[in-house]
Amino acid sequence: MASNTDSKTKESYKRIDSILISQPKPERSPYYDIEKKWGIRIDWRPFIHVEAVSEKEFRKNRLRPDEFTVIIFTSKNSIEHFFRMCEEMRVNLSQQTKYFCLTEAIANYLQKFIVYRKRKVFVGVRNIEDLDSAFNKHKEAEKFLLPCSNLGSQDVVKYLEDKEINFKEAMMYRTVSSDLSDLMDITYDCLVFFSPLGIKSLYENFPTFKQNETRLAVYGSQTTKAVEDRGLIVNIKAPSPESPSMSMALTNYLNKSNK
């Protein structure tokens, strides 16, 4: 991926004409208004993607989904790949199977795959601790399965271990870097990242990447750390009191750089 000059600079609010956002292009987005307002080009390209773990590979774990009475879902991907694996293994889940979902959005997505009954679906607000009362009620009698990716679910696993829950992790999908080789000779004034995995993908694709005058917009403390660990400069950061979202952070920057 090309950069603009041969020297990395401190913040100078130099004009931005092109932005690459390291996510899939959405149907609706405030970024479209940004693009129109300032007459700039915003491209979308996911730097990471999800790959399925094959049934053959999963069977090496000697686990069967129907051996467990409670399934813990931490994301929509975990739901999709759990039921995909059940279908490939020709597993029929008991009608008594219970589902613990980290958030309401995850629980709503679950309705695509099961007949939803409140008595068997337990929903948190944001964190695994939100389901504490449900775990306390069911921990003695149930066997819990945690479908996950190669990255695992560290906070969830620690919680389950601390509470001495009878559970197993089951890797059913992988989050991996996408091939970005076609961007080798393309220059962007600003790159936008939302996770440390995006930074990892950047360097896996372009090991000699230099920031130079390319502005880096990052979301979240972990992403910021991943950027700074590479010796790069964070130019645009969210969330913050004045910029709770990345679109707002970009807007605030453009108000200065493109005025």
Protein backbone atom coordinates (compact mmCIF):
# COMPACT_ATOMS: atom_id res chain seq x y z
CA MET A 1 0.00 0.00 0.00
CA ALA A 2 1.53 3.25 -1.10
CA SER A 3 1.99 6.28 1.15
CA ASN A 4 2.24 9.91 0.18
CA THR A 5 5.75 11.06 1.12
CA ASP A 6 9.01 9.79 2.52
CA SER A 7 8.74 11.40 5.95
CA LYS A 8 6.35 10.73 8.81
CA THR A 9 4.94 13.98 10.16
CA LYS A 10 3.23 15.19 13.30
CA GLU A 11 -0.37 16.35 13.11
CA SER A 12 -0.75 19.21 10.64
CA TYR A 13 -4.37 18.83 9.51
CA LYS A 14 -3.32 18.41 5.90
CA ARG A 15 -6.27 18.06 3.53
CA ILE A 16 -7.88 14.62 3.16
CA ASP A 17 -9.27 13.62 -0.24
CA SER A 18 -9.45 9.83 0.12
CA ILE A 19 -10.31 7.49 3.00
CA LEU A 20 -10.18 3.69 3.23
CA ILE A 21 -12.39 2.12 5.90
CA SER A 22 -11.31 -1.39 6.88
CA GLN A 23 -14.85 -2.81 7.03
CA PRO A 24 -17.45 -4.13 4.57
CA LYS A 25 -19.53 -1.46 2.85
CA PRO A 26 -22.87 -0.99 4.65
CA GLU A 27 -26.24 -0.13 3.13
CA ARG A 28 -26.63 2.99 5.24
CA SER A 29 -23.90 4.93 6.95
CA PRO A 30 -23.13 8.46 8.18
CA TYR A 31 -19.92 8.18 6.17
CA TYR A 32 -21.95 8.65 2.99
CA ASP A 33 -22.96 12.10 4.25
CA ILE A 34 -19.31 12.85 5.02
CA GLU A 35 -18.32 11.81 1.51
CA LYS A 36 -20.95 14.07 -0.04
CA LYS A 37 -20.39 17.07 2.22
CA TRP A 38 -16.64 17.31 1.62
CA GLY A 39 -16.52 15.88 -1.89
CA ILE A 40 -14.04 13.21 -0.91
CA ARG A 41 -13.74 9.54 -1.84
CA ILE A 42 -14.45 6.89 0.80
CA ASP A 43 -13.71 3.27 -0.08
CA TRP A 44 -14.62 0.21 1.97
CA ARG A 45 -12.53 -2.94 2.25
CA PRO A 46 -12.66 -5.54 5.04
CA PHE A 47 -9.13 -6.26 6.29
CA ILE A 48 -10.29 -9.44 8.04
CA HIS A 49 -12.87 -12.13 7.34
CA VAL A 50 -14.34 -15.24 8.92
CA GLU A 51 -13.60 -18.76 7.67
CA ALA A 52 -15.49 -21.87 8.72
CA VAL A 53 -13.82 -24.72 10.58
CA SER A 54 -14.64 -27.89 8.65
CA GLU A 55 -16.69 -30.69 10.16
CA LYS A 56 -13.73 -33.05 9.75
CA GLU A 57 -11.45 -30.73 11.72
CA PHE A 58 -14.06 -30.10 14.39
CA ARG A 59 -14.61 -33.84 14.97
CA LYS A 60 -11.01 -34.10 16.17
CA ASN A 61 -12.19 -32.37 19.35
CA ARG A 62 -14.40 -35.38 20.09
CA LEU A 63 -17.24 -33.04 20.95
CA ARG A 64 -20.85 -33.23 19.83
CA PRO A 65 -23.13 -30.19 20.22
CA ASP A 66 -26.00 -32.36 21.46
CA GLU A 67 -23.93 -33.45 24.47
CA PHE A 68 -24.47 -30.03 26.00
CA THR A 69 -27.59 -28.63 27.60
CA VAL A 70 -26.69 -24.90 27.40
CA ILE A 71 -25.09 -23.04 24.50
CA ILE A 72 -23.41 -19.68 25.17
CA PHE A 73 -23.46 -17.25 22.25
CA THR A 74 -21.16 -14.22 22.22
CA SER A 75 -21.74 -13.06 18.63
CA LYS A 76 -23.83 -13.57 15.50
CA ASN A 77 -20.92 -15.45 13.96
CA SER A 78 -20.94 -17.93 16.83
CA ILE A 79 -24.64 -18.58 16.18
CA GLU A 80 -24.20 -19.05 12.44
CA HIS A 81 -21.28 -21.44 12.73
CA PHE A 82 -22.78 -23.42 15.61
CA PHE A 83 -25.91 -24.24 13.65
CA ARG A 84 -23.88 -24.80 10.48
CA MET A 85 -21.83 -27.38 12.36
CA CYS A 86 -24.96 -29.01 13.77
CA GLU A 87 -26.33 -29.35 10.23
CA GLU A 88 -23.10 -30.76 8.83
CA MET A 89 -22.85 -33.26 11.70
CA ARG A 90 -26.56 -34.09 11.37
CA VAL A 91 -27.09 -33.21 15.01
CA ASN A 92 -30.63 -32.62 16.26
CA LEU A 93 -30.69 -30.49 19.38
CA SER A 94 -33.10 -31.23 22.19
CA GLN A 95 -36.10 -28.95 22.53
CA GLN A 96 -34.92 -28.45 26.11
CA THR A 97 -31.59 -26.92 25.08
CA LYS A 98 -31.05 -23.53 26.70
CA TYR A 99 -29.28 -20.56 25.12
CA PHE A 100 -27.37 -17.82 26.94
CA CYS A 101 -26.89 -14.73 24.74
CA LEU A 102 -24.56 -11.87 25.65
CA THR A 103 -26.82 -9.16 24.20
CA GLU A 104 -30.36 -8.61 22.95
CA ALA A 105 -29.09 -8.21 19.37
CA ILE A 106 -27.51 -11.68 19.56
CA ALA A 107 -30.69 -13.15 21.06
CA ASN A 108 -32.79 -11.59 18.28
CA TYR A 109 -30.48 -13.12 15.68
CA LEU A 110 -30.94 -16.51 17.33
CA GLN A 111 -34.60 -16.42 16.26
CA LYS A 112 -33.48 -17.18 12.70
CA PHE A 113 -32.40 -20.64 13.88
CA ILE A 114 -34.75 -21.74 16.67
CA VAL A 115 -38.33 -21.42 17.82
CA TYR A 116 -37.85 -18.69 20.39
CA ARG A 117 -39.12 -19.37 23.89
CA LYS A 118 -38.29 -17.06 26.75
CA ARG A 119 -38.03 -19.95 29.18
CA LYS A 120 -34.97 -21.27 27.37
CA VAL A 121 -33.29 -18.07 26.11
CA PHE A 122 -31.41 -15.93 28.64
CA VAL A 123 -30.26 -12.49 27.55
CA GLY A 124 -27.60 -10.13 28.87
CA VAL A 125 -27.20 -6.43 28.26
CA ARG A 126 -23.56 -6.20 27.26
CA ASN A 127 -21.22 -8.37 29.37
CA ILE A 128 -21.18 -12.00 30.49
CA GLU A 129 -21.67 -10.80 34.08
CA ASP A 130 -25.16 -9.66 33.11
CA LEU A 131 -26.14 -13.34 33.00
CA ASP A 132 -24.88 -14.03 36.52
CA SER A 133 -28.27 -14.92 37.98
CA ALA A 134 -28.98 -17.34 35.12
CA PHE A 135 -25.61 -19.04 35.60
CA ASN A 136 -26.18 -19.31 39.33
CA LYS A 137 -29.56 -20.94 38.71
CA HIS A 138 -28.34 -23.48 36.16
CA LYS A 139 -24.64 -24.08 36.89
CA GLU A 140 -25.07 -27.27 38.91
CA ALA A 141 -27.33 -29.20 36.55
CA GLU A 142 -26.18 -28.12 33.10
CA LYS A 143 -23.27 -28.68 30.70
CA PHE A 144 -22.26 -25.51 28.85
CA LEU A 145 -20.77 -25.18 25.37
CA LEU A 146 -19.04 -21.99 24.19
CA PRO A 147 -18.77 -21.82 20.36
CA CYS A 148 -15.92 -19.48 19.47
CA SER A 149 -13.31 -18.47 16.90
CA ASN A 150 -9.56 -19.03 16.93
CA LEU A 151 -9.34 -15.83 18.98
CA GLY A 152 -11.40 -17.31 21.78
CA SER A 153 -13.50 -15.32 24.25
CA GLN A 154 -11.05 -14.51 27.02
CA ASP A 155 -13.36 -12.47 29.24
CA VAL A 156 -16.10 -15.10 28.99
CA VAL A 157 -13.72 -17.99 29.66
CA LYS A 158 -12.28 -16.25 32.73
CA TYR A 159 -15.77 -15.62 34.07
CA LEU A 160 -16.79 -19.26 33.56
CA GLU A 161 -13.60 -20.56 35.16
CA ASP A 162 -13.94 -18.23 38.14
CA LYS A 163 -17.51 -19.46 38.71
CA GLU A 164 -16.40 -23.08 38.24
CA ILE A 165 -18.91 -23.63 35.44
CA ASN A 166 -18.83 -27.02 33.69
CA PHE A 167 -18.06 -25.82 30.14
CA LYS A 168 -16.10 -26.55 26.98
CA GLU A 169 -14.82 -24.17 24.31
CA ALA A 170 -15.48 -25.22 20.71
CA MET A 171 -13.66 -23.46 17.89
CA MET A 172 -16.05 -23.45 14.93
CA TYR A 173 -14.68 -20.56 12.85
CA ARG A 174 -11.56 -18.48 12.35
CA THR A 175 -11.00 -14.76 11.98
CA VAL A 176 -8.16 -14.30 9.49
CA SER A 177 -6.48 -11.56 7.48
CA SER A 178 -7.90 -10.82 4.03
CA ASP A 179 -5.79 -10.65 0.88
CA LEU A 180 -5.18 -6.96 0.15
CA SER A 181 -2.48 -7.36 -2.49
CA ASP A 182 -4.52 -5.42 -5.07
CA LEU A 183 -4.09 -2.30 -2.90
CA MET A 184 -0.32 -2.41 -3.20
CA ASP A 185 -0.02 0.64 -5.45
CA ILE A 186 -3.03 2.61 -4.20
CA THR A 187 -2.64 5.68 -2.01
CA TYR A 188 -5.12 6.84 0.64
CA ASP A 189 -4.86 9.96 2.75
CA CYS A 190 -6.54 8.23 5.70
CA LEU A 191 -6.92 4.62 6.86
CA VAL A 192 -9.65 3.77 9.38
CA PHE A 193 -9.29 0.82 11.79
CA PHE A 194 -11.71 -0.64 14.32
CA SER A 195 -9.73 -3.54 15.81
CA PRO A 196 -6.15 -4.71 16.42
CA LEU A 197 -6.79 -7.44 13.85
CA GLY A 198 -7.03 -4.78 11.16
CA ILE A 199 -3.54 -3.58 12.05
CA LYS A 200 -2.29 -7.17 12.06
CA SER A 201 -3.75 -7.67 8.58
CA LEU A 202 -2.16 -4.43 7.35
CA TYR A 203 1.31 -5.70 8.23
CA GLU A 204 0.70 -9.25 7.05
CA ASN A 205 -0.20 -7.82 3.66
CA PHE A 206 2.34 -4.97 3.64
CA PRO A 207 5.26 -5.85 5.94
CA THR A 208 7.20 -2.72 4.95
CA PHE A 209 4.29 -0.31 5.46
CA LYS A 210 5.39 3.21 6.45
CA GLN A 211 2.89 5.76 7.68
CA ASN A 212 4.54 8.84 6.21
CA GLU A 213 1.72 11.42 5.84
CA THR A 214 -1.09 8.89 5.84
CA ARG A 215 -3.50 9.74 8.65
CA LEU A 216 -4.60 6.84 10.86
CA ALA A 217 -8.07 6.90 12.42
CA VAL A 218 -8.59 4.28 15.13
CA TYR A 219 -11.48 3.19 17.31
CA GLY A 220 -10.96 1.87 20.82
CA SER A 221 -8.07 1.58 23.26
CA GLN A 222 -6.92 -1.85 22.05
CA THR A 223 -6.73 -0.64 18.46
CA THR A 224 -4.85 2.44 19.59
CA LYS A 225 -2.35 0.25 21.43
CA ALA A 226 -1.86 -1.96 18.36
CA VAL A 227 -1.12 1.13 16.26
CA GLU A 228 1.28 2.66 18.77
CA ASP A 229 3.06 -0.68 19.31
CA ARG A 230 4.01 -0.48 15.64
CA GLY A 231 5.52 2.95 16.17
CA LEU A 232 2.74 4.66 14.23
CA ILE A 233 0.93 7.93 15.04
CA VAL A 234 -2.77 8.00 15.84
CA ASN A 235 -4.17 11.10 14.12
CA ILE A 236 -7.90 10.58 14.66
CA LYS A 237 -9.26 8.74 17.68
CA ALA A 238 -12.64 7.58 18.92
CA PRO A 239 -14.47 7.25 21.19
CA SER A 240 -13.83 10.42 23.16
CA PRO A 241 -16.06 12.99 24.89
CA GLU A 242 -16.06 15.20 21.79
CA SER A 243 -16.12 12.27 19.32
CA PRO A 244 -18.18 9.32 20.63
CA SER A 245 -18.23 7.72 17.17
CA MET A 246 -15.67 7.34 14.40
CA SER A 247 -17.87 9.23 11.94
CA MET A 248 -17.95 12.16 14.36
CA ALA A 249 -14.18 11.97 14.90
CA LEU A 250 -13.63 12.13 11.15
CA THR A 251 -16.08 15.01 10.86
CA ASN A 252 -14.26 16.98 13.55
CA TYR A 253 -10.93 16.37 11.82
CA LEU A 254 -12.25 17.30 8.37
CA ASN A 255 -13.66 20.53 9.79
CA LYS A 256 -10.03 21.52 10.38
CA SER A 257 -8.22 19.77 7.51
CA ASN A 258 -10.63 20.52 4.67
CA LYS A 259 -11.97 23.94 5.62
